[in-house]
Amino acid sequence: MTVTESPSVVDAVRRGLEIHEHTSSDGHRQVRAALTLTTNVERAPAQLWALLTRPDELARWFGPVTGELHEGGRFDAPDGASGSILEIEEPHRISLSWAQGGAEDPLLIQLDPEDDGTTLLRLRHTVLVDAEDFERTGPGALAIGWEIALLALAAHTDGWRGSCLTTVPTPTPQWREGAEAAGYLRAWSVRWAAEAIAAGVDETIARRGEAETARKHLGR
């Protein structure tokens, strides 16, 4: 990764969005949204692997994950999430399904070594949602949880120190009630609205989703 200027902590993550809308035979409109979050972490893939696959390590930064963390195993995660592990290629790739209040959707985590000693971490979550719900809440509502998870991983590993040149906050429940967290959540909402516009969503609809994402996560 070549860095010419230190990014802010918010911009340590690069974001991508692909949207495909289709209508079922009964006229129901749905959107398949593929959200991609990419960042460089100052650890080797083998060092990050344990943090992503061992329950004791996951509990230290992500939260309690219980179950069988191997191919074919099922697991339960924080905030009512659950899923199953479909394929593992240690220490570079985890393919799994992820459900949080709905159907199980594909989730892929890729770890690739970079020439500068960092790991390029790519998280891709593909979600099938009702089109009207997506227009109301936007992609940010689907992505904020992953933004917080990557922030927690960076804080736990100090993995953005060399790129951001600052201390990364740990997103504890107390932190998430404060002014700094509110600034992060608003910034994430703005950036995901921009991704929606780039993916072809009407700007008025995207800005409405931005406001709804911020309202949902800020509680106002």
Protein backbone atom coordinates (compact mmCIF):
# COMPACT_ATOMS: atom_id res chain seq x y z
CA MET A 1 0.00 0.00 0.00
CA THR A 2 1.47 3.34 -1.04
CA VAL A 3 0.44 6.21 1.24
CA THR A 4 1.05 9.79 0.14
CA GLU A 5 -1.06 11.40 2.86
CA SER A 6 -2.24 9.98 6.17
CA PRO A 7 -5.96 9.20 5.98
CA SER A 8 -8.33 9.92 8.82
CA VAL A 9 -9.48 6.92 10.83
CA VAL A 10 -12.82 7.07 9.02
CA ASP A 11 -11.06 6.87 5.67
CA ALA A 12 -8.79 3.98 6.63
CA VAL A 13 -11.57 1.85 5.13
CA ARG A 14 -12.31 1.94 1.41
CA ARG A 15 -15.88 1.17 0.44
CA GLY A 16 -17.62 -0.32 -2.57
CA LEU A 17 -21.24 -1.04 -3.42
CA GLU A 18 -22.91 -3.02 -6.19
CA ILE A 19 -26.68 -3.02 -6.54
CA HIS A 20 -28.90 -5.28 -8.64
CA GLU A 21 -32.67 -4.92 -8.49
CA HIS A 22 -35.10 -7.55 -9.67
CA THR A 23 -38.83 -8.16 -9.51
CA SER A 24 -40.25 -11.56 -8.62
CA SER A 25 -43.12 -13.18 -10.48
CA ASP A 26 -45.56 -11.84 -7.89
CA GLY A 27 -44.35 -8.27 -8.44
CA HIS A 28 -42.23 -8.02 -5.29
CA ARG A 29 -39.18 -5.77 -5.77
CA GLN A 30 -35.92 -6.83 -4.17
CA VAL A 31 -32.38 -5.49 -4.14
CA ARG A 32 -29.23 -7.57 -3.98
CA ALA A 33 -26.61 -5.31 -2.47
CA ALA A 34 -22.95 -6.33 -2.32
CA LEU A 35 -21.07 -4.22 0.21
CA THR A 36 -17.27 -4.34 0.18
CA LEU A 37 -15.07 -2.88 2.92
CA THR A 38 -11.32 -2.95 2.36
CA THR A 39 -8.51 -1.84 4.64
CA ASN A 40 -4.82 -2.45 5.32
CA VAL A 41 -3.90 -3.75 8.76
CA GLU A 42 -0.34 -3.76 10.06
CA ARG A 43 -0.25 -7.45 10.82
CA ALA A 44 0.56 -10.51 8.72
CA PRO A 45 -2.35 -12.71 7.56
CA ALA A 46 -1.28 -15.48 9.94
CA GLN A 47 -1.44 -13.05 12.88
CA LEU A 48 -4.90 -11.82 11.93
CA TRP A 49 -6.15 -15.34 11.26
CA ALA A 50 -6.23 -16.30 14.94
CA LEU A 51 -8.14 -13.10 15.77
CA LEU A 52 -10.83 -14.09 13.26
CA THR A 53 -11.13 -17.80 13.96
CA ARG A 54 -10.49 -18.46 17.66
CA PRO A 55 -13.35 -17.82 20.12
CA ASP A 56 -11.01 -16.58 22.85
CA GLU A 57 -9.41 -14.07 20.47
CA LEU A 58 -12.73 -12.98 18.95
CA ALA A 59 -14.10 -12.29 22.42
CA ARG A 60 -11.32 -9.77 23.06
CA TRP A 61 -12.33 -7.41 20.24
CA PHE A 62 -15.49 -8.56 18.43
CA GLY A 63 -17.54 -10.16 21.18
CA PRO A 64 -18.53 -13.69 22.21
CA VAL A 65 -18.77 -16.16 19.35
CA THR A 66 -19.82 -19.69 20.23
CA GLY A 67 -20.16 -22.83 18.17
CA GLU A 68 -17.93 -24.80 15.85
CA LEU A 69 -15.53 -22.55 13.98
CA HIS A 70 -14.53 -24.99 11.25
CA GLU A 71 -15.83 -25.88 7.80
CA GLY A 72 -19.42 -27.02 8.11
CA GLY A 73 -19.75 -25.69 11.65
CA ARG A 74 -22.44 -23.34 12.88
CA PHE A 75 -21.94 -20.43 15.23
CA ASP A 76 -23.71 -17.71 17.19
CA ALA A 77 -22.34 -14.17 17.33
CA PRO A 78 -23.19 -10.89 19.12
CA ASP A 79 -26.44 -8.98 18.54
CA GLY A 80 -28.39 -12.08 17.58
CA ALA A 81 -26.26 -12.97 14.57
CA SER A 82 -25.62 -16.55 13.52
CA GLY A 83 -24.39 -18.49 10.54
CA SER A 84 -22.29 -21.30 9.23
CA ILE A 85 -18.74 -21.64 7.92
CA LEU A 86 -18.75 -22.77 4.30
CA GLU A 87 -15.07 -22.83 3.35
CA ILE A 88 -11.72 -22.02 4.93
CA GLU A 89 -8.35 -21.49 3.26
CA GLU A 90 -5.98 -20.77 6.14
CA PRO A 91 -4.71 -18.09 6.59
CA HIS A 92 -6.23 -16.21 3.66
CA ARG A 93 -9.93 -16.81 3.17
CA ILE A 94 -13.09 -17.49 5.14
CA SER A 95 -16.38 -18.01 3.32
CA LEU A 96 -19.46 -18.14 5.52
CA SER A 97 -23.13 -17.36 5.75
CA TRP A 98 -24.35 -14.60 8.05
CA ALA A 99 -27.85 -13.94 9.38
CA GLN A 100 -28.96 -11.14 11.63
CA GLY A 101 -32.71 -10.93 11.88
CA GLY A 102 -33.31 -12.42 8.44
CA ALA A 103 -32.12 -14.94 5.89
CA GLU A 104 -28.54 -16.14 5.78
CA ASP A 105 -26.48 -14.18 3.26
CA PRO A 106 -22.96 -14.76 1.86
CA LEU A 107 -20.04 -13.17 3.72
CA LEU A 108 -16.44 -13.40 2.54
CA ILE A 109 -13.31 -12.32 4.42
CA GLN A 110 -10.08 -12.25 2.42
CA LEU A 111 -6.58 -11.65 3.84
CA ASP A 112 -3.82 -10.93 1.32
CA PRO A 113 -0.21 -10.00 2.20
CA GLU A 114 1.13 -6.71 0.85
CA ASP A 115 4.74 -5.85 -0.05
CA ASP A 116 4.94 -3.34 2.82
CA GLY A 117 4.19 -6.03 5.44
CA THR A 118 0.55 -5.10 5.93
CA THR A 119 -2.44 -7.30 5.18
CA LEU A 120 -5.10 -6.22 2.72
CA LEU A 121 -8.31 -7.23 4.48
CA ARG A 122 -11.39 -7.39 2.27
CA LEU A 123 -14.85 -8.02 3.72
CA ARG A 124 -17.68 -8.56 1.24
CA HIS A 125 -21.25 -9.03 2.46
CA THR A 126 -23.99 -9.69 -0.10
CA VAL A 127 -27.50 -9.06 1.18
CA LEU A 128 -30.92 -9.61 -0.42
CA VAL A 129 -33.39 -7.04 0.92
CA ASP A 130 -36.77 -5.61 0.13
CA ALA A 131 -36.34 -2.75 -2.37
CA GLU A 132 -38.54 -0.33 -0.43
CA ASP A 133 -36.62 -1.04 2.79
CA PHE A 134 -33.33 -0.47 0.99
CA GLU A 135 -34.55 2.83 -0.44
CA ARG A 136 -35.65 3.93 3.02
CA THR A 137 -32.52 2.99 4.98
CA GLY A 138 -29.78 2.86 2.34
CA PRO A 139 -26.65 0.69 2.41
CA GLY A 140 -25.31 2.40 5.52
CA ALA A 141 -27.79 0.57 7.72
CA LEU A 142 -26.34 -2.70 6.45
CA ALA A 143 -22.70 -1.61 6.66
CA ILE A 144 -22.33 0.28 9.96
CA GLY A 145 -21.91 -2.93 11.97
CA TRP A 146 -18.93 -3.90 9.80
CA GLU A 147 -17.47 -0.39 10.07
CA ILE A 148 -17.55 -0.76 13.86
CA ALA A 149 -16.04 -4.25 13.67
CA LEU A 150 -13.11 -3.07 11.57
CA LEU A 151 -12.58 -0.13 13.91
CA ALA A 152 -12.50 -2.57 16.84
CA LEU A 153 -10.01 -4.81 15.05
CA ALA A 154 -7.76 -1.85 14.23
CA ALA A 155 -7.90 -0.63 17.83
CA HIS A 156 -7.13 -4.11 19.17
CA THR A 157 -4.14 -4.65 16.87
CA ASP A 158 -3.02 -1.00 16.61
CA GLY A 159 -3.18 -1.91 12.95
CA TRP A 160 -3.80 1.58 11.53
CA ARG A 161 -1.03 3.32 13.45
CA GLY A 162 1.34 3.62 10.51
CA SER A 163 -1.30 4.83 8.06
CA CYS A 164 -3.44 7.11 10.25
CA LEU A 165 -0.65 8.24 12.61
CA THR A 166 -3.07 8.41 15.50
CA THR A 167 -4.65 6.26 18.20
CA VAL A 168 -7.77 4.44 17.05
CA PRO A 169 -10.65 4.51 19.55
CA THR A 170 -12.01 1.24 20.88
CA PRO A 171 -15.75 1.19 20.15
CA THR A 172 -16.94 0.22 23.63
CA PRO A 173 -20.60 0.74 24.58
CA GLN A 174 -19.51 3.84 26.50
CA TRP A 175 -17.63 5.24 23.50
CA ARG A 176 -20.63 4.67 21.26
CA GLU A 177 -22.69 7.01 23.46
CA GLY A 178 -20.24 9.89 23.06
CA ALA A 179 -19.64 12.77 20.68
CA GLU A 180 -16.67 11.15 18.92
CA ALA A 181 -18.76 8.11 18.02
CA ALA A 182 -21.55 10.36 16.75
CA GLY A 183 -19.06 12.01 14.41
CA TYR A 184 -17.89 8.64 13.10
CA LEU A 185 -21.45 7.42 12.56
CA ARG A 186 -22.40 10.54 10.64
CA ALA A 187 -19.26 10.27 8.52
CA TRP A 188 -19.95 6.61 7.74
CA SER A 189 -23.54 7.47 6.80
CA VAL A 190 -22.34 10.17 4.40
CA ARG A 191 -19.79 7.88 2.77
CA TRP A 192 -22.26 5.05 2.22
CA ALA A 193 -24.76 7.49 0.72
CA ALA A 194 -22.02 8.56 -1.70
CA GLU A 195 -21.45 4.90 -2.60
CA ALA A 196 -25.18 4.51 -3.24
CA ILE A 197 -25.18 7.50 -5.59
CA ALA A 198 -22.14 6.11 -7.42
CA ALA A 199 -24.00 2.79 -7.79
CA GLY A 200 -26.92 4.52 -9.47
CA VAL A 201 -29.29 5.39 -6.63
CA ASP A 202 -31.12 8.70 -7.03
CA GLU A 203 -29.42 11.31 -4.85
CA THR A 204 -32.64 12.26 -3.04
CA ILE A 205 -33.23 8.62 -2.09
CA ALA A 206 -29.57 8.16 -1.10
CA ARG A 207 -29.65 11.23 1.18
CA ARG A 208 -32.83 9.99 2.77
CA GLY A 209 -31.08 6.71 3.51
CA GLU A 210 -28.13 8.64 4.92
CA ALA A 211 -30.41 10.48 7.34
CA GLU A 212 -32.21 7.28 8.35
CA THR A 213 -28.92 5.45 8.98
CA ALA A 214 -27.70 8.27 11.22
CA ARG A 215 -31.04 8.47 13.02
CA LYS A 216 -31.13 4.73 13.64
CA HIS A 217 -27.62 4.50 15.06
CA LEU A 218 -27.62 7.80 16.91
CA GLY A 219 -31.08 7.27 18.34
CA ARG A 220 -32.28 10.68 17.15
